[in-house]
Amino acid sequence: MIVFIHIANAIYLVSYLVKDILWLRVLTVAAGLVILGYYAWMPMPIWAGVFWNILFVAINIRQIELLLLERRPVTLRPEELLLYKQTFRPLTEREFAKLLAIGRWREVRAGERIVQHGEALHQLFVLASGRVRVEIDGRPTGELRAGCLVGEMSFLTGKAPNADVVATEPTRTMTWQDDVLRRLLDTNAELRAGVQQVIGEDLSAKLLAA
């Protein structure tokens, strides 16, 4: 029976050498089952060891299920894929899908004002199609096209915008509420870093264009 101990520890040893967390959990389950058999088939079963190993195996199986769900292929619709390629390349497609899940599409009419200077802005936009004009004191100062962010400075600083943004043609945006987006980013460090990179690249492009 002692051979079960050696087999289980050999599997544990291999699990410590793999880099993929999925394989680590699979090997841990295998080792746990072997050691579980050892405890259960002894002339006098060690029930405490049986209980704890059943619990460990169950937890790891659940984690394996979650990992497999996370690794399922992501399918983006054509307009979502185009937006991803335009603006969100620093993210993985799965991370982008998480953003889409909390955002909403918005249709903007030509001439509609989507940002009012001096008024608190609680949304972050990205232009999926169309164009908008940036105005300061009623004077046009620039134009933003598909792929550009709108409201990113207010999102970063929490301050009201100092310019107006008006659609110059029918425009479609993906829009996120600040508080909802912040909650998602607070729970996902990698996604937060990716979004910060997206915002940084957008600001850099705007400064170069100016």
N, C-alpha and C. Protein backbone atom coordinates (compact mmCIF):
# COMPACT_ATOMS: atom_id res chain seq x y z
N MET A 1 0.81 -1.22 0.00
CA MET A 1 0.00 0.00 0.00
C MET A 1 0.85 1.27 0.00
N ILE A 2 2.06 1.15 0.54
CA ILE A 2 2.92 2.33 0.62
C ILE A 2 3.23 2.88 -0.75
N VAL A 3 3.07 2.03 -1.81
CA VAL A 3 3.35 2.48 -3.16
C VAL A 3 2.43 3.63 -3.56
N PHE A 4 1.20 3.65 -2.98
CA PHE A 4 0.26 4.74 -3.28
C PHE A 4 0.83 6.09 -2.85
N ILE A 5 1.51 6.11 -1.71
CA ILE A 5 2.11 7.34 -1.21
C ILE A 5 3.17 7.83 -2.19
N HIS A 6 4.00 6.91 -2.67
CA HIS A 6 5.06 7.30 -3.61
C HIS A 6 4.46 7.81 -4.93
N ILE A 7 3.42 7.13 -5.42
CA ILE A 7 2.79 7.56 -6.67
C ILE A 7 2.17 8.95 -6.51
N ALA A 8 1.45 9.16 -5.40
CA ALA A 8 0.81 10.46 -5.16
C ALA A 8 1.84 11.57 -5.06
N ASN A 9 2.92 11.33 -4.34
CA ASN A 9 3.94 12.37 -4.19
C ASN A 9 4.68 12.63 -5.50
N ALA A 10 4.85 11.61 -6.32
CA ALA A 10 5.47 11.81 -7.64
C ALA A 10 4.59 12.70 -8.50
N ILE A 11 3.27 12.47 -8.44
CA ILE A 11 2.34 13.31 -9.21
C ILE A 11 2.36 14.74 -8.67
N TYR A 12 2.37 14.89 -7.35
CA TYR A 12 2.46 16.23 -6.76
C TYR A 12 3.74 16.93 -7.23
N LEU A 13 4.85 16.20 -7.29
CA LEU A 13 6.11 16.77 -7.72
C LEU A 13 6.01 17.29 -9.15
N VAL A 14 5.39 16.49 -10.03
CA VAL A 14 5.22 16.94 -11.42
C VAL A 14 4.33 18.17 -11.48
N SER A 15 3.27 18.20 -10.64
CA SER A 15 2.35 19.35 -10.66
C SER A 15 3.07 20.64 -10.28
N TYR A 16 4.09 20.55 -9.41
CA TYR A 16 4.83 21.74 -9.02
C TYR A 16 5.74 22.25 -10.13
N LEU A 17 6.00 21.40 -11.14
CA LEU A 17 6.91 21.77 -12.21
C LEU A 17 6.19 22.39 -13.41
N VAL A 18 4.87 22.16 -13.52
CA VAL A 18 4.15 22.69 -14.67
C VAL A 18 3.81 24.16 -14.44
N LYS A 19 3.75 24.93 -15.52
CA LYS A 19 3.46 26.36 -15.43
C LYS A 19 1.99 26.67 -15.64
N ASP A 20 1.30 25.80 -16.36
CA ASP A 20 -0.11 26.02 -16.65
C ASP A 20 -0.94 25.65 -15.43
N ILE A 21 -1.71 26.62 -14.92
CA ILE A 21 -2.50 26.39 -13.72
C ILE A 21 -3.54 25.30 -13.93
N LEU A 22 -4.04 25.15 -15.16
CA LEU A 22 -5.03 24.10 -15.43
C LEU A 22 -4.41 22.72 -15.21
N TRP A 23 -3.23 22.50 -15.77
CA TRP A 23 -2.56 21.21 -15.60
C TRP A 23 -2.15 20.99 -14.15
N LEU A 24 -1.79 22.05 -13.46
CA LEU A 24 -1.45 21.91 -12.05
C LEU A 24 -2.65 21.37 -11.27
N ARG A 25 -3.83 21.91 -11.56
CA ARG A 25 -5.03 21.45 -10.85
C ARG A 25 -5.40 20.02 -11.25
N VAL A 26 -5.24 19.69 -12.53
CA VAL A 26 -5.55 18.33 -12.97
C VAL A 26 -4.64 17.32 -12.27
N LEU A 27 -3.36 17.63 -12.21
CA LEU A 27 -2.42 16.72 -11.54
C LEU A 27 -2.67 16.64 -10.04
N THR A 28 -3.08 17.76 -9.46
CA THR A 28 -3.40 17.75 -8.04
C THR A 28 -4.60 16.86 -7.74
N VAL A 29 -5.59 16.89 -8.63
CA VAL A 29 -6.75 16.00 -8.48
C VAL A 29 -6.30 14.54 -8.58
N ALA A 30 -5.45 14.25 -9.57
CA ALA A 30 -4.97 12.87 -9.74
C ALA A 30 -4.23 12.39 -8.49
N ALA A 31 -3.35 13.23 -7.97
CA ALA A 31 -2.61 12.86 -6.76
C ALA A 31 -3.54 12.70 -5.57
N GLY A 32 -4.53 13.58 -5.48
CA GLY A 32 -5.48 13.50 -4.38
C GLY A 32 -6.30 12.21 -4.41
N LEU A 33 -6.65 11.78 -5.62
CA LEU A 33 -7.41 10.53 -5.75
C LEU A 33 -6.57 9.32 -5.34
N VAL A 34 -5.29 9.38 -5.71
CA VAL A 34 -4.40 8.27 -5.33
C VAL A 34 -4.26 8.20 -3.82
N ILE A 35 -3.99 9.32 -3.19
CA ILE A 35 -3.81 9.32 -1.74
C ILE A 35 -5.14 9.00 -1.02
N LEU A 36 -6.25 9.40 -1.66
CA LEU A 36 -7.56 9.06 -1.12
C LEU A 36 -7.75 7.54 -1.10
N GLY A 37 -7.33 6.89 -2.18
CA GLY A 37 -7.41 5.44 -2.23
C GLY A 37 -6.57 4.79 -1.14
N TYR A 38 -5.42 5.38 -0.89
CA TYR A 38 -4.54 4.84 0.16
C TYR A 38 -5.23 4.90 1.53
N TYR A 39 -5.81 6.06 1.85
CA TYR A 39 -6.47 6.21 3.15
C TYR A 39 -7.70 5.30 3.28
N ALA A 40 -8.45 5.15 2.15
CA ALA A 40 -9.71 4.42 2.21
C ALA A 40 -9.50 2.90 2.25
N TRP A 41 -8.43 2.40 1.64
CA TRP A 41 -8.26 0.95 1.51
C TRP A 41 -7.33 0.35 2.57
N MET A 42 -6.95 1.15 3.52
CA MET A 42 -6.17 0.61 4.62
C MET A 42 -7.05 -0.34 5.46
N PRO A 43 -6.43 -1.30 6.14
CA PRO A 43 -7.22 -2.19 7.00
C PRO A 43 -8.12 -1.42 7.96
N MET A 44 -7.62 -0.30 8.46
CA MET A 44 -8.44 0.60 9.27
C MET A 44 -8.40 1.97 8.60
N PRO A 45 -9.38 2.27 7.75
CA PRO A 45 -9.36 3.53 6.97
C PRO A 45 -9.16 4.76 7.85
N ILE A 46 -8.38 5.70 7.33
CA ILE A 46 -8.17 6.97 8.04
C ILE A 46 -9.23 7.95 7.52
N TRP A 47 -10.35 8.01 8.22
CA TRP A 47 -11.49 8.77 7.72
C TRP A 47 -11.23 10.27 7.68
N ALA A 48 -10.43 10.77 8.58
CA ALA A 48 -10.11 12.21 8.52
C ALA A 48 -9.37 12.53 7.22
N GLY A 49 -8.40 11.67 6.84
CA GLY A 49 -7.68 11.86 5.59
C GLY A 49 -8.60 11.72 4.39
N VAL A 50 -9.53 10.76 4.45
CA VAL A 50 -10.50 10.56 3.37
C VAL A 50 -11.35 11.82 3.19
N PHE A 51 -11.87 12.35 4.31
CA PHE A 51 -12.73 13.54 4.25
C PHE A 51 -11.99 14.73 3.63
N TRP A 52 -10.79 15.02 4.15
CA TRP A 52 -10.08 16.20 3.67
C TRP A 52 -9.66 16.06 2.21
N ASN A 53 -9.29 14.87 1.78
CA ASN A 53 -8.90 14.70 0.38
C ASN A 53 -10.10 14.77 -0.56
N ILE A 54 -11.26 14.27 -0.11
CA ILE A 54 -12.47 14.45 -0.92
C ILE A 54 -12.77 15.94 -1.10
N LEU A 55 -12.62 16.70 -0.01
CA LEU A 55 -12.87 18.14 -0.08
C LEU A 55 -11.88 18.81 -1.03
N PHE A 56 -10.58 18.49 -0.92
CA PHE A 56 -9.57 19.10 -1.79
C PHE A 56 -9.83 18.75 -3.26
N VAL A 57 -10.17 17.49 -3.52
CA VAL A 57 -10.44 17.06 -4.89
C VAL A 57 -11.66 17.80 -5.45
N ALA A 58 -12.71 17.94 -4.64
CA ALA A 58 -13.92 18.63 -5.10
C ALA A 58 -13.63 20.09 -5.42
N ILE A 59 -12.85 20.74 -4.57
CA ILE A 59 -12.51 22.15 -4.82
C ILE A 59 -11.71 22.29 -6.11
N ASN A 60 -10.74 21.42 -6.32
CA ASN A 60 -9.92 21.50 -7.53
C ASN A 60 -10.72 21.18 -8.79
N ILE A 61 -11.66 20.24 -8.69
CA ILE A 61 -12.51 19.94 -9.85
C ILE A 61 -13.34 21.16 -10.21
N ARG A 62 -13.88 21.85 -9.20
CA ARG A 62 -14.65 23.06 -9.47
C ARG A 62 -13.78 24.14 -10.12
N GLN A 63 -12.55 24.29 -9.65
CA GLN A 63 -11.64 25.27 -10.24
C GLN A 63 -11.29 24.90 -11.68
N ILE A 64 -11.17 23.61 -11.95
CA ILE A 64 -10.91 23.17 -13.33
C ILE A 64 -12.08 23.55 -14.23
N GLU A 65 -13.31 23.36 -13.74
CA GLU A 65 -14.49 23.74 -14.51
C GLU A 65 -14.46 25.23 -14.84
N LEU A 66 -14.12 26.06 -13.85
CA LEU A 66 -14.08 27.51 -14.06
C LEU A 66 -12.99 27.88 -15.07
N LEU A 67 -11.84 27.23 -14.98
CA LEU A 67 -10.76 27.50 -15.93
C LEU A 67 -11.16 27.13 -17.34
N LEU A 68 -11.83 26.00 -17.50
CA LEU A 68 -12.28 25.59 -18.83
C LEU A 68 -13.30 26.57 -19.39
N LEU A 69 -14.18 27.07 -18.53
CA LEU A 69 -15.16 28.07 -18.98
C LEU A 69 -14.47 29.34 -19.44
N GLU A 70 -13.44 29.76 -18.71
CA GLU A 70 -12.71 30.98 -19.06
C GLU A 70 -11.95 30.83 -20.37
N ARG A 71 -11.57 29.60 -20.71
CA ARG A 71 -10.76 29.37 -21.90
C ARG A 71 -11.57 29.02 -23.13
N ARG A 72 -12.89 29.05 -23.01
CA ARG A 72 -13.72 28.82 -24.19
C ARG A 72 -13.44 29.89 -25.24
N PRO A 73 -13.47 29.54 -26.52
CA PRO A 73 -13.24 30.54 -27.57
C PRO A 73 -14.27 31.67 -27.47
N VAL A 74 -13.82 32.89 -27.70
CA VAL A 74 -14.70 34.06 -27.68
C VAL A 74 -15.16 34.35 -29.10
N THR A 75 -16.46 34.53 -29.27
CA THR A 75 -17.01 34.87 -30.58
C THR A 75 -17.54 36.30 -30.54
N LEU A 76 -16.94 37.16 -31.34
CA LEU A 76 -17.37 38.56 -31.42
C LEU A 76 -18.16 38.77 -32.70
N ARG A 77 -19.22 39.57 -32.59
CA ARG A 77 -19.97 39.93 -33.79
C ARG A 77 -19.13 40.88 -34.64
N PRO A 78 -19.46 41.01 -35.94
CA PRO A 78 -18.63 41.84 -36.84
C PRO A 78 -18.36 43.24 -36.31
N GLU A 79 -19.40 43.93 -35.77
CA GLU A 79 -19.20 45.29 -35.28
C GLU A 79 -18.34 45.30 -34.02
N GLU A 80 -18.45 44.25 -33.21
CA GLU A 80 -17.63 44.15 -32.01
C GLU A 80 -16.17 43.88 -32.37
N LEU A 81 -15.97 43.01 -33.35
CA LEU A 81 -14.61 42.70 -33.79
C LEU A 81 -13.95 43.93 -34.40
N LEU A 82 -14.71 44.71 -35.17
CA LEU A 82 -14.15 45.93 -35.75
C LEU A 82 -13.75 46.91 -34.67
N LEU A 83 -14.59 47.08 -33.65
CA LEU A 83 -14.26 47.98 -32.55
C LEU A 83 -13.03 47.50 -31.80
N TYR A 84 -12.95 46.20 -31.61
CA TYR A 84 -11.78 45.62 -30.92
C TYR A 84 -10.50 45.95 -31.69
N LYS A 85 -10.53 45.77 -33.00
CA LYS A 85 -9.34 46.03 -33.81
C LYS A 85 -9.00 47.51 -33.87
N GLN A 86 -10.02 48.37 -33.83
CA GLN A 86 -9.79 49.80 -33.90
C GLN A 86 -9.14 50.36 -32.64
N THR A 87 -9.58 49.86 -31.48
CA THR A 87 -9.24 50.54 -30.23
C THR A 87 -8.67 49.64 -29.15
N PHE A 88 -9.11 48.41 -29.07
CA PHE A 88 -8.86 47.61 -27.87
C PHE A 88 -7.87 46.48 -28.07
N ARG A 89 -6.94 46.64 -29.00
CA ARG A 89 -5.94 45.60 -29.25
C ARG A 89 -5.08 45.26 -28.03
N PRO A 90 -4.80 46.22 -27.13
CA PRO A 90 -4.01 45.84 -25.94
C PRO A 90 -4.69 44.80 -25.06
N LEU A 91 -6.00 44.61 -25.21
CA LEU A 91 -6.72 43.62 -24.43
C LEU A 91 -6.79 42.30 -25.19
N THR A 92 -7.01 41.21 -24.46
CA THR A 92 -7.35 39.97 -25.12
C THR A 92 -8.82 40.05 -25.54
N GLU A 93 -9.23 39.20 -26.47
CA GLU A 93 -10.62 39.21 -26.89
C GLU A 93 -11.54 38.87 -25.72
N ARG A 94 -11.09 38.00 -24.82
CA ARG A 94 -11.91 37.64 -23.66
C ARG A 94 -12.07 38.84 -22.72
N GLU A 95 -11.00 39.60 -22.53
CA GLU A 95 -11.10 40.81 -21.70
C GLU A 95 -12.04 41.82 -22.33
N PHE A 96 -11.94 41.95 -23.66
CA PHE A 96 -12.83 42.88 -24.36
C PHE A 96 -14.28 42.44 -24.22
N ALA A 97 -14.52 41.13 -24.27
CA ALA A 97 -15.88 40.62 -24.11
C ALA A 97 -16.45 41.00 -22.75
N LYS A 98 -15.60 41.04 -21.71
CA LYS A 98 -16.05 41.45 -20.39
C LYS A 98 -16.49 42.91 -20.40
N LEU A 99 -15.76 43.74 -21.16
CA LEU A 99 -16.16 45.15 -21.27
C LEU A 99 -17.50 45.27 -22.01
N LEU A 100 -17.64 44.50 -23.09
CA LEU A 100 -18.89 44.56 -23.85
C LEU A 100 -20.08 44.17 -22.98
N ALA A 101 -19.86 43.23 -22.07
CA ALA A 101 -20.96 42.72 -21.25
C ALA A 101 -21.55 43.79 -20.34
N ILE A 102 -20.77 44.80 -19.99
CA ILE A 102 -21.28 45.85 -19.08
C ILE A 102 -21.52 47.17 -19.81
N GLY A 103 -21.29 47.20 -21.12
CA GLY A 103 -21.51 48.41 -21.90
C GLY A 103 -22.83 48.33 -22.67
N ARG A 104 -23.16 49.41 -23.37
CA ARG A 104 -24.35 49.40 -24.21
C ARG A 104 -24.09 50.23 -25.45
N TRP A 105 -24.70 49.79 -26.54
CA TRP A 105 -24.61 50.54 -27.79
C TRP A 105 -25.55 51.73 -27.72
N ARG A 106 -25.12 52.83 -28.32
CA ARG A 106 -25.95 54.04 -28.34
C ARG A 106 -25.90 54.67 -29.72
N GLU A 107 -27.06 54.99 -30.25
CA GLU A 107 -27.16 55.67 -31.54
C GLU A 107 -27.28 57.18 -31.28
N VAL A 108 -26.45 57.96 -31.94
CA VAL A 108 -26.42 59.41 -31.75
C VAL A 108 -26.79 60.09 -33.06
N ARG A 109 -27.73 61.00 -33.01
CA ARG A 109 -28.15 61.72 -34.21
C ARG A 109 -27.15 62.83 -34.56
N ALA A 110 -27.09 63.17 -35.82
CA ALA A 110 -26.26 64.30 -36.25
C ALA A 110 -26.75 65.57 -35.55
N GLY A 111 -25.81 66.32 -34.98
CA GLY A 111 -26.14 67.54 -34.27
C GLY A 111 -26.39 67.34 -32.79
N GLU A 112 -26.46 66.09 -32.34
CA GLU A 112 -26.72 65.82 -30.92
C GLU A 112 -25.45 66.05 -30.10
N ARG A 113 -25.62 66.71 -28.96
CA ARG A 113 -24.50 66.98 -28.07
C ARG A 113 -24.39 65.80 -27.08
N ILE A 114 -23.23 65.15 -27.10
CA ILE A 114 -23.07 64.01 -26.20
C ILE A 114 -22.26 64.35 -24.96
N VAL A 115 -21.54 65.47 -25.00
CA VAL A 115 -20.80 65.95 -23.84
C VAL A 115 -21.03 67.45 -23.72
N GLN A 116 -21.36 67.90 -22.52
CA GLN A 116 -21.58 69.32 -22.25
C GLN A 116 -20.51 69.82 -21.30
N HIS A 117 -19.77 70.85 -21.71
CA HIS A 117 -18.70 71.33 -20.85
C HIS A 117 -19.27 71.86 -19.54
N GLY A 118 -18.54 71.62 -18.46
CA GLY A 118 -18.96 72.09 -17.16
C GLY A 118 -19.95 71.19 -16.44
N GLU A 119 -20.54 70.23 -17.15
CA GLU A 119 -21.49 69.32 -16.54
C GLU A 119 -20.82 67.98 -16.25
N ALA A 120 -21.07 67.46 -15.07
CA ALA A 120 -20.44 66.18 -14.69
C ALA A 120 -20.75 65.11 -15.72
N LEU A 121 -19.72 64.38 -16.09
CA LEU A 121 -19.87 63.30 -17.07
C LEU A 121 -19.61 61.98 -16.36
N HIS A 122 -20.57 61.11 -16.38
CA HIS A 122 -20.45 59.84 -15.67
C HIS A 122 -20.38 58.66 -16.62
N GLN A 123 -19.93 58.94 -17.82
CA GLN A 123 -19.85 57.88 -18.83
C GLN A 123 -18.53 57.99 -19.59
N LEU A 124 -18.10 56.84 -20.11
CA LEU A 124 -16.96 56.78 -21.01
C LEU A 124 -17.48 56.21 -22.32
N PHE A 125 -17.13 56.88 -23.43
CA PHE A 125 -17.60 56.45 -24.75
C PHE A 125 -16.42 56.02 -25.61
N VAL A 126 -16.70 55.17 -26.59
CA VAL A 126 -15.79 54.95 -27.69
C VAL A 126 -16.63 55.02 -28.97
N LEU A 127 -16.12 55.74 -29.96
CA LEU A 127 -16.85 55.89 -31.21
C LEU A 127 -16.66 54.63 -32.06
N ALA A 128 -17.76 53.96 -32.35
CA ALA A 128 -17.69 52.77 -33.19
C ALA A 128 -17.83 53.15 -34.66
N SER A 129 -18.58 54.21 -34.93
CA SER A 129 -18.73 54.72 -36.29
C SER A 129 -19.16 56.17 -36.21
N GLY A 130 -18.99 56.89 -37.31
CA GLY A 130 -19.38 58.30 -37.35
C GLY A 130 -18.25 59.23 -36.90
N ARG A 131 -18.60 60.51 -36.75
CA ARG A 131 -17.62 61.52 -36.34
C ARG A 131 -18.27 62.50 -35.37
N VAL A 132 -17.45 63.08 -34.50
CA VAL A 132 -17.92 64.11 -33.59
C VAL A 132 -16.96 65.29 -33.63
N ARG A 133 -17.48 66.46 -33.27
CA ARG A 133 -16.68 67.69 -33.25
C ARG A 133 -16.48 68.12 -31.81
N VAL A 134 -15.25 68.50 -31.48
CA VAL A 134 -14.93 69.01 -30.14
C VAL A 134 -14.96 70.53 -30.21
N GLU A 135 -15.68 71.16 -29.29
CA GLU A 135 -15.81 72.62 -29.29
C GLU A 135 -15.45 73.17 -27.92
N ILE A 136 -14.75 74.31 -27.93
CA ILE A 136 -14.46 75.05 -26.70
C ILE A 136 -14.94 76.48 -26.90
N ASP A 137 -15.83 76.90 -26.02
CA ASP A 137 -16.44 78.24 -26.14
C ASP A 137 -17.08 78.42 -27.50
N GLY A 138 -17.69 77.35 -28.02
CA GLY A 138 -18.40 77.44 -29.29
C GLY A 138 -17.51 77.34 -30.52
N ARG A 139 -16.19 77.27 -30.34
CA ARG A 139 -15.27 77.20 -31.48
C ARG A 139 -14.79 75.76 -31.67
N PRO A 140 -14.86 75.25 -32.90
CA PRO A 140 -14.36 73.89 -33.15
C PRO A 140 -12.86 73.82 -32.90
N THR A 141 -12.44 72.83 -32.18
CA THR A 141 -11.01 72.65 -31.90
C THR A 141 -10.48 71.31 -32.38
N GLY A 142 -11.35 70.46 -32.87
CA GLY A 142 -10.88 69.16 -33.34
C GLY A 142 -12.03 68.27 -33.71
N GLU A 143 -11.68 67.16 -34.31
CA GLU A 143 -12.68 66.18 -34.73
C GLU A 143 -12.21 64.78 -34.34
N LEU A 144 -13.13 63.97 -33.87
CA LEU A 144 -12.81 62.60 -33.48
C LEU A 144 -13.57 61.65 -34.39
N ARG A 145 -12.88 60.59 -34.78
CA ARG A 145 -13.47 59.60 -35.68
C ARG A 145 -13.62 58.26 -34.98
N ALA A 146 -14.10 57.28 -35.73
CA ALA A 146 -14.31 55.94 -35.18
C ALA A 146 -13.03 55.41 -34.55
N GLY A 147 -13.17 54.83 -33.38
CA GLY A 147 -12.02 54.29 -32.65
C GLY A 147 -11.55 55.18 -31.53
N CYS A 148 -11.98 56.44 -31.51
CA CYS A 148 -11.53 57.38 -30.48
C CYS A 148 -12.40 57.27 -29.23
N LEU A 149 -11.78 57.54 -28.09
CA LEU A 149 -12.50 57.59 -26.83
C LEU A 149 -13.04 59.00 -26.61
N VAL A 150 -14.13 59.09 -25.88
CA VAL A 150 -14.71 60.37 -25.48
C VAL A 150 -15.00 60.29 -23.99
N GLY A 151 -14.55 61.31 -23.26
CA GLY A 151 -14.80 61.34 -21.82
C GLY A 151 -13.74 60.67 -20.99
N GLU A 152 -12.60 60.36 -21.62
CA GLU A 152 -11.56 59.62 -20.87
C GLU A 152 -10.92 60.48 -19.79
N MET A 153 -10.78 61.80 -20.03
CA MET A 153 -10.18 62.66 -19.02
C MET A 153 -11.08 62.77 -17.79
N SER A 154 -12.38 62.88 -18.00
CA SER A 154 -13.31 62.91 -16.86
C SER A 154 -13.29 61.59 -16.12
N PHE A 155 -13.13 60.50 -16.86
CA PHE A 155 -13.06 59.18 -16.22
C PHE A 155 -11.82 59.08 -15.34
N LEU A 156 -10.70 59.64 -15.82
CA LEU A 156 -9.46 59.56 -15.07
C LEU A 156 -9.43 60.51 -13.89
N THR A 157 -9.93 61.73 -14.09
CA THR A 157 -9.79 62.77 -13.06
C THR A 157 -11.03 62.96 -12.20
N GLY A 158 -12.19 62.54 -12.72
CA GLY A 158 -13.43 62.78 -11.99
C GLY A 158 -13.94 64.19 -12.14
N LYS A 159 -13.29 65.01 -12.98
CA LYS A 159 -13.69 66.41 -13.16
C LYS A 159 -14.63 66.55 -14.36
N ALA A 160 -15.42 67.61 -14.35
CA ALA A 160 -16.32 67.88 -15.47
C ALA A 160 -15.51 68.23 -16.72
N PRO A 161 -15.99 67.89 -17.90
CA PRO A 161 -15.26 68.20 -19.13
C PRO A 161 -15.19 69.70 -19.38
N ASN A 162 -14.13 70.13 -20.06
CA ASN A 162 -13.98 71.56 -20.37
C ASN A 162 -14.30 71.85 -21.82
N ALA A 163 -14.93 70.89 -22.52
CA ALA A 163 -15.28 71.07 -23.92
C ALA A 163 -16.61 70.40 -24.20
N ASP A 164 -17.25 70.85 -25.27
CA ASP A 164 -18.46 70.19 -25.76
C ASP A 164 -18.07 69.20 -26.84
N VAL A 165 -18.86 68.15 -26.97
CA VAL A 165 -18.65 67.18 -28.05
C VAL A 165 -20.00 66.99 -28.75
N VAL A 166 -20.00 67.26 -30.06
CA VAL A 166 -21.24 67.25 -30.84
C VAL A 166 -21.06 66.31 -32.03
N ALA A 167 -22.04 65.46 -32.28
CA ALA A 167 -21.98 64.56 -33.43
C ALA A 167 -22.18 65.35 -34.71
N THR A 168 -21.30 65.17 -35.68
CA THR A 168 -21.44 65.86 -36.96
C THR A 168 -22.14 65.00 -38.00
N GLU A 169 -22.38 63.75 -37.68
CA GLU A 169 -23.11 62.83 -38.56
C GLU A 169 -23.66 61.72 -37.68
N PRO A 170 -24.58 60.91 -38.19
CA PRO A 170 -25.08 59.80 -37.37
C PRO A 170 -23.91 58.95 -36.84
N THR A 171 -23.90 58.75 -35.56
CA THR A 171 -22.75 58.13 -34.89
C THR A 171 -23.23 57.03 -33.96
N ARG A 172 -22.41 56.01 -33.85
CA ARG A 172 -22.72 54.92 -32.92
C ARG A 172 -21.59 54.79 -31.92
N THR A 173 -21.96 54.66 -30.65
CA THR A 173 -20.94 54.55 -29.61
C THR A 173 -21.18 53.31 -28.76
N MET A 174 -20.11 52.84 -28.13
CA MET A 174 -20.22 51.89 -27.04
C MET A 174 -19.99 52.71 -25.77
N THR A 175 -20.90 52.60 -24.83
CA THR A 175 -20.91 53.48 -23.66
C THR A 175 -20.85 52.67 -22.38
N TRP A 176 -20.03 53.14 -21.44
CA TRP A 176 -19.94 52.51 -20.12
C TRP A 176 -20.25 53.53 -19.03
N GLN A 177 -21.03 53.14 -18.06
CA GLN A 177 -21.24 53.96 -16.87
C GLN A 177 -19.97 53.89 -16.02
N ASP A 178 -19.50 55.04 -15.55
CA ASP A 178 -18.25 55.11 -14.79
C ASP A 178 -18.22 54.14 -13.62
N ASP A 179 -19.27 54.17 -12.79
CA ASP A 179 -19.24 53.36 -11.57
C ASP A 179 -19.21 51.86 -11.88
N VAL A 180 -19.95 51.45 -12.92
CA VAL A 180 -19.96 50.03 -13.30
C VAL A 180 -18.60 49.61 -13.84
N LEU A 181 -18.02 50.47 -14.67
CA LEU A 181 -16.71 50.16 -15.24
C LEU A 181 -15.64 50.11 -14.16
N ARG A 182 -15.68 51.02 -13.22
CA ARG A 182 -14.68 51.03 -12.15
C ARG A 182 -14.77 49.76 -11.30
N ARG A 183 -15.98 49.31 -11.03
CA ARG A 183 -16.13 48.09 -10.23
C ARG A 183 -15.51 46.89 -10.94
N LEU A 184 -15.72 46.81 -12.25
CA LEU A 184 -15.13 45.71 -13.01
C LEU A 184 -13.62 45.79 -12.98
N LEU A 185 -13.06 46.98 -13.20
CA LEU A 185 -11.60 47.14 -13.24
C LEU A 185 -10.98 46.91 -11.88
N ASP A 186 -11.70 47.25 -10.81
CA ASP A 186 -11.17 47.05 -9.47
C ASP A 186 -11.00 45.58 -9.13
N THR A 187 -11.74 44.72 -9.80
CA THR A 187 -11.67 43.28 -9.50
C THR A 187 -10.82 42.52 -10.52
N ASN A 188 -10.23 43.22 -11.47
CA ASN A 188 -9.45 42.53 -12.51
C ASN A 188 -8.24 43.39 -12.85
N ALA A 189 -7.11 43.08 -12.24
CA ALA A 189 -5.91 43.91 -12.41
C ALA A 189 -5.41 43.91 -13.85
N GLU A 190 -5.45 42.76 -14.52
CA GLU A 190 -4.96 42.68 -15.89
C GLU A 190 -5.83 43.50 -16.83
N LEU A 191 -7.14 43.41 -16.64
CA LEU A 191 -8.05 44.20 -17.47
C LEU A 191 -7.85 45.68 -17.19
N ARG A 192 -7.66 46.06 -15.93
CA ARG A 192 -7.43 47.46 -15.58
C ARG A 192 -6.17 47.99 -16.27
N ALA A 193 -5.10 47.20 -16.26
CA ALA A 193 -3.86 47.62 -16.93
C ALA A 193 -4.08 47.77 -18.42
N GLY A 194 -4.85 46.87 -19.02
CA GLY A 194 -5.12 46.96 -20.45
C GLY A 194 -5.92 48.19 -20.81
N VAL A 195 -6.95 48.49 -20.01
CA VAL A 195 -7.77 49.68 -20.27
C VAL A 195 -6.94 50.95 -20.09
N GLN A 196 -6.08 50.96 -19.09
CA GLN A 196 -5.20 52.13 -18.90
C GLN A 196 -4.29 52.32 -20.11
N GLN A 197 -3.81 51.23 -20.69
CA GLN A 197 -2.99 51.33 -21.89
C GLN A 197 -3.80 51.87 -23.05
N VAL A 198 -5.04 51.40 -23.20
CA VAL A 198 -5.92 51.89 -24.27
C VAL A 198 -6.12 53.40 -24.13
N ILE A 199 -6.41 53.85 -22.91
CA ILE A 199 -6.62 55.28 -22.68
C ILE A 199 -5.33 56.06 -22.96
N GLY A 200 -4.19 55.53 -22.51
CA GLY A 200 -2.91 56.21 -22.75
C GLY A 200 -2.61 56.37 -24.23
N GLU A 201 -2.84 55.30 -25.01
CA GLU A 201 -2.60 55.38 -26.45
C GLU A 201 -3.55 56.36 -27.11
N ASP A 202 -4.79 56.40 -26.65
CA ASP A 202 -5.76 57.33 -27.23
C ASP A 202 -5.35 58.78 -26.94
N LEU A 203 -4.93 59.06 -25.72
CA LEU A 203 -4.50 60.41 -25.37
C LEU A 203 -3.25 60.81 -26.16
N SER A 204 -2.33 59.87 -26.32
CA SER A 204 -1.12 60.18 -27.09
C SER A 204 -1.44 60.51 -28.53
N ALA A 205 -2.37 59.74 -29.12
CA ALA A 205 -2.76 60.00 -30.52
C ALA A 205 -3.40 61.37 -30.65
N LYS A 206 -4.22 61.74 -29.66
CA LYS A 206 -4.87 63.05 -29.72
C LYS A 206 -3.86 64.19 -29.57
N LEU A 207 -2.88 64.01 -28.71
CA LEU A 207 -1.86 65.04 -28.54
C LEU A 207 -1.03 65.21 -29.81
N LEU A 208 -0.69 64.10 -30.45
CA LEU A 208 0.06 64.17 -31.70
C LEU A 208 -0.75 64.86 -32.79
N ALA A 209 -2.05 64.55 -32.84
CA ALA A 209 -2.89 65.17 -33.85
C ALA A 209 -3.05 66.66 -33.60
N ALA A 210 -3.02 67.05 -32.32
CA ALA A 210 -3.15 68.48 -32.00
C ALA A 210 -1.90 69.26 -32.34
